[in-house]
N, C-alpha and C. Protein backbone atom coordinates (compact mmCIF):
# COMPACT_ATOMS: atom_id res chain seq x y z
N MET A 1 -8.97 -15.20 -9.72
CA MET A 1 -8.06 -14.97 -8.62
C MET A 1 -7.18 -13.76 -8.95
N ILE A 2 -6.93 -12.95 -7.95
CA ILE A 2 -6.10 -11.76 -8.12
C ILE A 2 -4.92 -11.86 -7.16
N THR A 3 -3.73 -11.70 -7.70
CA THR A 3 -2.51 -11.73 -6.90
C THR A 3 -1.87 -10.36 -6.96
N VAL A 4 -1.49 -9.85 -5.81
CA VAL A 4 -0.84 -8.54 -5.72
C VAL A 4 0.53 -8.74 -5.07
N HIS A 5 1.55 -8.24 -5.72
CA HIS A 5 2.89 -8.22 -5.14
C HIS A 5 3.14 -6.79 -4.64
N LEU A 6 3.40 -6.69 -3.34
CA LEU A 6 3.72 -5.39 -2.76
C LEU A 6 5.17 -5.44 -2.29
N TYR A 7 5.98 -4.55 -2.81
CA TYR A 7 7.38 -4.46 -2.42
C TYR A 7 7.51 -3.29 -1.44
N TYR A 8 7.87 -3.61 -0.20
CA TYR A 8 8.09 -2.58 0.82
C TYR A 8 9.60 -2.36 0.93
N THR A 9 10.01 -1.09 0.85
CA THR A 9 11.42 -0.77 0.95
C THR A 9 11.62 0.33 1.98
N GLY A 10 12.64 0.16 2.80
CA GLY A 10 12.97 1.15 3.83
C GLY A 10 14.47 1.22 4.02
N LEU A 11 14.88 1.65 5.20
CA LEU A 11 16.29 1.76 5.54
C LEU A 11 16.56 1.05 6.86
N ASN A 12 17.78 0.57 7.00
CA ASN A 12 18.25 -0.01 8.27
C ASN A 12 17.36 -1.13 8.80
N GLY A 13 16.88 -1.98 7.90
CA GLY A 13 16.08 -3.13 8.32
C GLY A 13 14.63 -2.83 8.63
N SER A 14 14.16 -1.63 8.29
CA SER A 14 12.80 -1.25 8.67
C SER A 14 11.72 -2.08 7.95
N ALA A 15 11.97 -2.50 6.72
CA ALA A 15 10.96 -3.29 6.00
C ALA A 15 10.77 -4.65 6.68
N ARG A 16 11.86 -5.27 7.06
CA ARG A 16 11.77 -6.56 7.75
C ARG A 16 11.12 -6.38 9.13
N ALA A 17 11.47 -5.30 9.83
CA ALA A 17 10.86 -5.03 11.14
C ALA A 17 9.35 -4.82 11.00
N PHE A 18 8.93 -4.15 9.94
CA PHE A 18 7.51 -3.97 9.65
C PHE A 18 6.81 -5.32 9.49
N ALA A 19 7.38 -6.20 8.66
CA ALA A 19 6.77 -7.52 8.43
C ALA A 19 6.71 -8.32 9.73
N GLU A 20 7.77 -8.26 10.51
CA GLU A 20 7.78 -8.99 11.78
C GLU A 20 6.71 -8.46 12.72
N GLU A 21 6.52 -7.14 12.77
CA GLU A 21 5.48 -6.58 13.64
C GLU A 21 4.09 -6.93 13.12
N MET A 22 3.91 -6.96 11.80
CA MET A 22 2.62 -7.36 11.24
C MET A 22 2.26 -8.78 11.70
N VAL A 23 3.23 -9.68 11.70
CA VAL A 23 2.98 -11.05 12.13
C VAL A 23 2.77 -11.10 13.65
N ARG A 24 3.69 -10.50 14.40
CA ARG A 24 3.65 -10.55 15.86
C ARG A 24 2.37 -9.93 16.43
N SER A 25 1.88 -8.88 15.80
CA SER A 25 0.70 -8.16 16.31
C SER A 25 -0.62 -8.89 16.02
N GLY A 26 -0.58 -9.90 15.16
CA GLY A 26 -1.79 -10.63 14.81
C GLY A 26 -2.51 -10.09 13.59
N VAL A 27 -2.02 -9.01 13.02
CA VAL A 27 -2.67 -8.44 11.84
C VAL A 27 -2.67 -9.44 10.69
N VAL A 28 -1.55 -10.12 10.49
CA VAL A 28 -1.45 -11.08 9.39
C VAL A 28 -2.45 -12.22 9.57
N SER A 29 -2.55 -12.74 10.78
CA SER A 29 -3.52 -13.82 11.04
C SER A 29 -4.95 -13.37 10.76
N THR A 30 -5.25 -12.15 11.13
CA THR A 30 -6.59 -11.62 10.90
C THR A 30 -6.87 -11.48 9.40
N ILE A 31 -5.90 -11.00 8.65
CA ILE A 31 -6.07 -10.86 7.20
C ILE A 31 -6.25 -12.23 6.56
N ARG A 32 -5.45 -13.20 6.97
CA ARG A 32 -5.56 -14.55 6.40
C ARG A 32 -6.93 -15.17 6.65
N ALA A 33 -7.59 -14.74 7.73
CA ALA A 33 -8.92 -15.28 8.07
C ALA A 33 -10.05 -14.54 7.35
N GLU A 34 -9.74 -13.45 6.64
CA GLU A 34 -10.77 -12.69 5.95
C GLU A 34 -11.37 -13.52 4.81
N GLU A 35 -12.65 -13.33 4.59
CA GLU A 35 -13.35 -14.01 3.50
C GLU A 35 -12.68 -13.66 2.16
N GLY A 36 -12.30 -14.69 1.43
CA GLY A 36 -11.73 -14.47 0.10
C GLY A 36 -10.22 -14.37 0.06
N ASN A 37 -9.55 -14.34 1.23
CA ASN A 37 -8.08 -14.30 1.21
C ASN A 37 -7.54 -15.69 0.95
N LEU A 38 -6.66 -15.80 -0.04
CA LEU A 38 -6.07 -17.08 -0.41
C LEU A 38 -4.62 -17.20 0.02
N ARG A 39 -3.93 -16.07 0.13
CA ARG A 39 -2.52 -16.07 0.56
C ARG A 39 -2.16 -14.68 1.04
N TYR A 40 -1.37 -14.65 2.09
CA TYR A 40 -0.81 -13.40 2.60
C TYR A 40 0.52 -13.78 3.24
N ALA A 41 1.61 -13.62 2.49
CA ALA A 41 2.90 -14.11 2.95
C ALA A 41 4.03 -13.15 2.57
N TYR A 42 4.95 -12.97 3.50
CA TYR A 42 6.11 -12.12 3.29
C TYR A 42 7.32 -12.95 2.88
N TYR A 43 8.12 -12.39 1.97
CA TYR A 43 9.35 -13.02 1.50
C TYR A 43 10.45 -11.97 1.51
N PHE A 44 11.67 -12.44 1.72
CA PHE A 44 12.81 -11.53 1.82
C PHE A 44 13.78 -11.79 0.68
N PRO A 45 13.94 -10.83 -0.26
CA PRO A 45 14.86 -11.01 -1.38
C PRO A 45 16.30 -11.19 -0.89
N MET A 46 16.97 -12.17 -1.41
CA MET A 46 18.35 -12.45 -1.00
C MET A 46 19.30 -11.32 -1.37
N ASP A 47 19.03 -10.63 -2.46
CA ASP A 47 19.96 -9.61 -2.93
C ASP A 47 19.56 -8.18 -2.54
N ASP A 48 18.55 -8.04 -1.69
CA ASP A 48 18.10 -6.71 -1.27
C ASP A 48 17.64 -6.75 0.19
N PRO A 49 18.56 -6.55 1.14
CA PRO A 49 18.19 -6.65 2.55
C PRO A 49 17.27 -5.54 3.05
N GLU A 50 17.03 -4.53 2.24
CA GLU A 50 16.18 -3.41 2.66
C GLU A 50 14.76 -3.49 2.10
N SER A 51 14.43 -4.62 1.45
CA SER A 51 13.09 -4.78 0.90
C SER A 51 12.44 -6.06 1.38
N VAL A 52 11.12 -6.06 1.35
CA VAL A 52 10.30 -7.22 1.67
C VAL A 52 9.24 -7.32 0.59
N LEU A 53 8.97 -8.53 0.15
CA LEU A 53 7.90 -8.78 -0.82
C LEU A 53 6.73 -9.41 -0.11
N LEU A 54 5.56 -8.82 -0.26
CA LEU A 54 4.32 -9.41 0.24
C LEU A 54 3.58 -9.97 -0.97
N ILE A 55 3.23 -11.25 -0.91
CA ILE A 55 2.36 -11.84 -1.92
C ILE A 55 0.99 -11.94 -1.27
N ASP A 56 0.06 -11.21 -1.84
CA ASP A 56 -1.29 -11.04 -1.30
C ASP A 56 -2.25 -11.55 -2.38
N GLN A 57 -2.99 -12.62 -2.08
CA GLN A 57 -3.82 -13.26 -3.10
C GLN A 57 -5.27 -13.34 -2.62
N TRP A 58 -6.19 -12.98 -3.52
CA TRP A 58 -7.61 -12.90 -3.19
C TRP A 58 -8.45 -13.62 -4.23
N ARG A 59 -9.60 -14.09 -3.79
CA ARG A 59 -10.54 -14.80 -4.67
C ARG A 59 -11.00 -13.92 -5.82
N ASP A 60 -11.33 -12.64 -5.50
CA ASP A 60 -11.87 -11.74 -6.51
C ASP A 60 -11.76 -10.29 -6.03
N GLN A 61 -12.18 -9.36 -6.88
CA GLN A 61 -12.09 -7.94 -6.54
C GLN A 61 -12.98 -7.59 -5.35
N ALA A 62 -14.13 -8.23 -5.22
CA ALA A 62 -15.03 -7.95 -4.09
C ALA A 62 -14.33 -8.25 -2.76
N ALA A 63 -13.56 -9.33 -2.70
CA ALA A 63 -12.83 -9.67 -1.48
C ALA A 63 -11.77 -8.62 -1.17
N ILE A 64 -11.08 -8.13 -2.20
CA ILE A 64 -10.09 -7.07 -2.00
C ILE A 64 -10.77 -5.80 -1.52
N ASP A 65 -11.89 -5.45 -2.13
CA ASP A 65 -12.61 -4.24 -1.73
C ASP A 65 -13.05 -4.31 -0.27
N ALA A 66 -13.52 -5.48 0.17
CA ALA A 66 -13.93 -5.65 1.57
C ALA A 66 -12.73 -5.50 2.49
N HIS A 67 -11.61 -6.05 2.09
CA HIS A 67 -10.37 -5.93 2.88
C HIS A 67 -9.96 -4.46 2.97
N HIS A 68 -9.98 -3.77 1.86
CA HIS A 68 -9.58 -2.34 1.85
C HIS A 68 -10.54 -1.47 2.65
N ALA A 69 -11.77 -1.88 2.81
CA ALA A 69 -12.76 -1.12 3.58
C ALA A 69 -12.71 -1.44 5.07
N SER A 70 -11.92 -2.45 5.45
CA SER A 70 -11.88 -2.86 6.85
C SER A 70 -11.06 -1.89 7.70
N PRO A 71 -11.35 -1.82 9.00
CA PRO A 71 -10.59 -0.95 9.90
C PRO A 71 -9.12 -1.34 9.98
N MET A 72 -8.79 -2.56 9.62
CA MET A 72 -7.41 -3.02 9.65
C MET A 72 -6.49 -2.21 8.75
N MET A 73 -7.04 -1.64 7.69
CA MET A 73 -6.21 -0.86 6.77
C MET A 73 -5.57 0.32 7.48
N ALA A 74 -6.26 0.90 8.45
CA ALA A 74 -5.67 2.01 9.22
C ALA A 74 -4.47 1.52 10.03
N GLN A 75 -4.56 0.32 10.60
CA GLN A 75 -3.44 -0.27 11.33
C GLN A 75 -2.24 -0.48 10.42
N ILE A 76 -2.51 -1.03 9.25
CA ILE A 76 -1.43 -1.30 8.28
C ILE A 76 -0.78 0.02 7.85
N ALA A 77 -1.60 1.02 7.55
CA ALA A 77 -1.06 2.32 7.13
C ALA A 77 -0.22 2.95 8.24
N ALA A 78 -0.66 2.82 9.49
CA ALA A 78 0.10 3.37 10.61
C ALA A 78 1.44 2.67 10.75
N LEU A 79 1.47 1.37 10.57
CA LEU A 79 2.74 0.65 10.65
C LEU A 79 3.66 1.01 9.48
N ARG A 80 3.11 1.16 8.30
CA ARG A 80 3.94 1.58 7.15
C ARG A 80 4.55 2.94 7.43
N GLU A 81 3.77 3.83 8.03
CA GLU A 81 4.26 5.17 8.36
C GLU A 81 5.33 5.09 9.46
N LYS A 82 5.07 4.27 10.47
CA LYS A 82 6.01 4.09 11.58
C LYS A 82 7.40 3.69 11.07
N TYR A 83 7.42 2.80 10.08
CA TYR A 83 8.69 2.29 9.55
C TYR A 83 9.15 3.07 8.31
N ASP A 84 8.42 4.11 7.92
CA ASP A 84 8.78 4.98 6.79
C ASP A 84 9.07 4.17 5.52
N LEU A 85 8.11 3.34 5.15
CA LEU A 85 8.29 2.46 4.01
C LEU A 85 7.75 3.07 2.72
N HIS A 86 8.41 2.74 1.63
CA HIS A 86 7.95 3.10 0.29
C HIS A 86 7.49 1.80 -0.37
N MET A 87 6.56 1.93 -1.31
CA MET A 87 5.95 0.75 -1.90
C MET A 87 5.96 0.79 -3.42
N LYS A 88 6.05 -0.41 -3.99
CA LYS A 88 5.83 -0.63 -5.41
C LYS A 88 4.83 -1.77 -5.48
N VAL A 89 3.86 -1.69 -6.38
CA VAL A 89 2.79 -2.69 -6.45
C VAL A 89 2.68 -3.24 -7.87
N GLU A 90 2.52 -4.55 -7.94
CA GLU A 90 2.23 -5.24 -9.20
C GLU A 90 0.96 -6.07 -8.98
N ARG A 91 0.11 -6.10 -9.97
CA ARG A 91 -1.17 -6.82 -9.85
C ARG A 91 -1.31 -7.79 -11.01
N PHE A 92 -1.75 -9.01 -10.68
CA PHE A 92 -1.91 -10.07 -11.68
C PHE A 92 -3.29 -10.68 -11.53
N VAL A 93 -3.98 -10.87 -12.65
CA VAL A 93 -5.28 -11.54 -12.65
C VAL A 93 -5.07 -12.88 -13.34
N SER A 94 -5.37 -13.96 -12.62
CA SER A 94 -5.13 -15.31 -13.14
C SER A 94 -6.22 -15.74 -14.10
N GLU A 95 -5.80 -16.50 -15.07
CA GLU A 95 -6.75 -17.16 -15.97
C GLU A 95 -7.10 -18.50 -15.36
N ASP A 96 -8.28 -18.98 -15.60
CA ASP A 96 -8.71 -20.27 -15.07
C ASP A 96 -8.11 -21.44 -15.83
N SER A 97 -7.45 -21.17 -16.93
CA SER A 97 -6.99 -22.25 -17.79
C SER A 97 -5.74 -22.96 -17.26
N GLY A 98 -5.04 -22.41 -16.30
CA GLY A 98 -3.84 -23.04 -15.77
C GLY A 98 -2.66 -22.84 -16.70
N LEU A 99 -1.60 -23.61 -16.45
CA LEU A 99 -0.39 -23.50 -17.26
C LEU A 99 -0.57 -24.16 -18.62
N PRO A 100 0.02 -23.56 -19.66
CA PRO A 100 -0.02 -24.20 -20.97
C PRO A 100 0.74 -25.54 -20.93
N GLU A 101 0.32 -26.47 -21.72
CA GLU A 101 0.92 -27.81 -21.76
C GLU A 101 2.43 -27.74 -21.97
N GLN A 102 2.91 -26.85 -22.84
CA GLN A 102 4.35 -26.79 -23.11
C GLN A 102 5.15 -26.31 -21.89
N ASP A 103 4.51 -25.61 -20.96
CA ASP A 103 5.20 -25.17 -19.75
C ASP A 103 5.22 -26.24 -18.67
N LEU A 104 4.27 -27.15 -18.69
CA LEU A 104 4.17 -28.18 -17.65
C LEU A 104 5.38 -29.11 -17.62
N LYS A 105 6.06 -29.29 -18.76
CA LYS A 105 7.20 -30.19 -18.80
C LYS A 105 8.40 -29.67 -17.97
N PHE A 106 8.35 -28.38 -17.60
CA PHE A 106 9.43 -27.80 -16.81
C PHE A 106 9.13 -27.83 -15.30
N ILE A 107 7.98 -28.33 -14.92
CA ILE A 107 7.55 -28.33 -13.52
C ILE A 107 7.76 -29.71 -12.92
N LYS A 108 8.55 -29.79 -11.87
CA LYS A 108 8.74 -31.05 -11.14
C LYS A 108 7.76 -31.09 -9.98
N LYS A 109 6.95 -32.11 -9.94
CA LYS A 109 5.97 -32.24 -8.86
C LYS A 109 6.42 -33.24 -7.84
């Protein structure tokens, strides 16, 4: 599993407006329905009103490659340009082993 954190930053609420338009326009629903998409969700940092965090999670690199090759990427790029957003990206590849036993004691289920 591959998880990508995308931080969108703009001015005057533009990052939040971008996320709202992504949802309202149906782009987010379409991405969530793509083969191999496990999560596509926006979060708003409490201490930074000008940024939005997208957590984008995929089954594998092939699923990401198919997503990046889709016509939807042009729509996303156009919206990022419309709202003049800057991005920072972090990528994580999960191990199948799960959490170490010593970390599980801190998790309330």
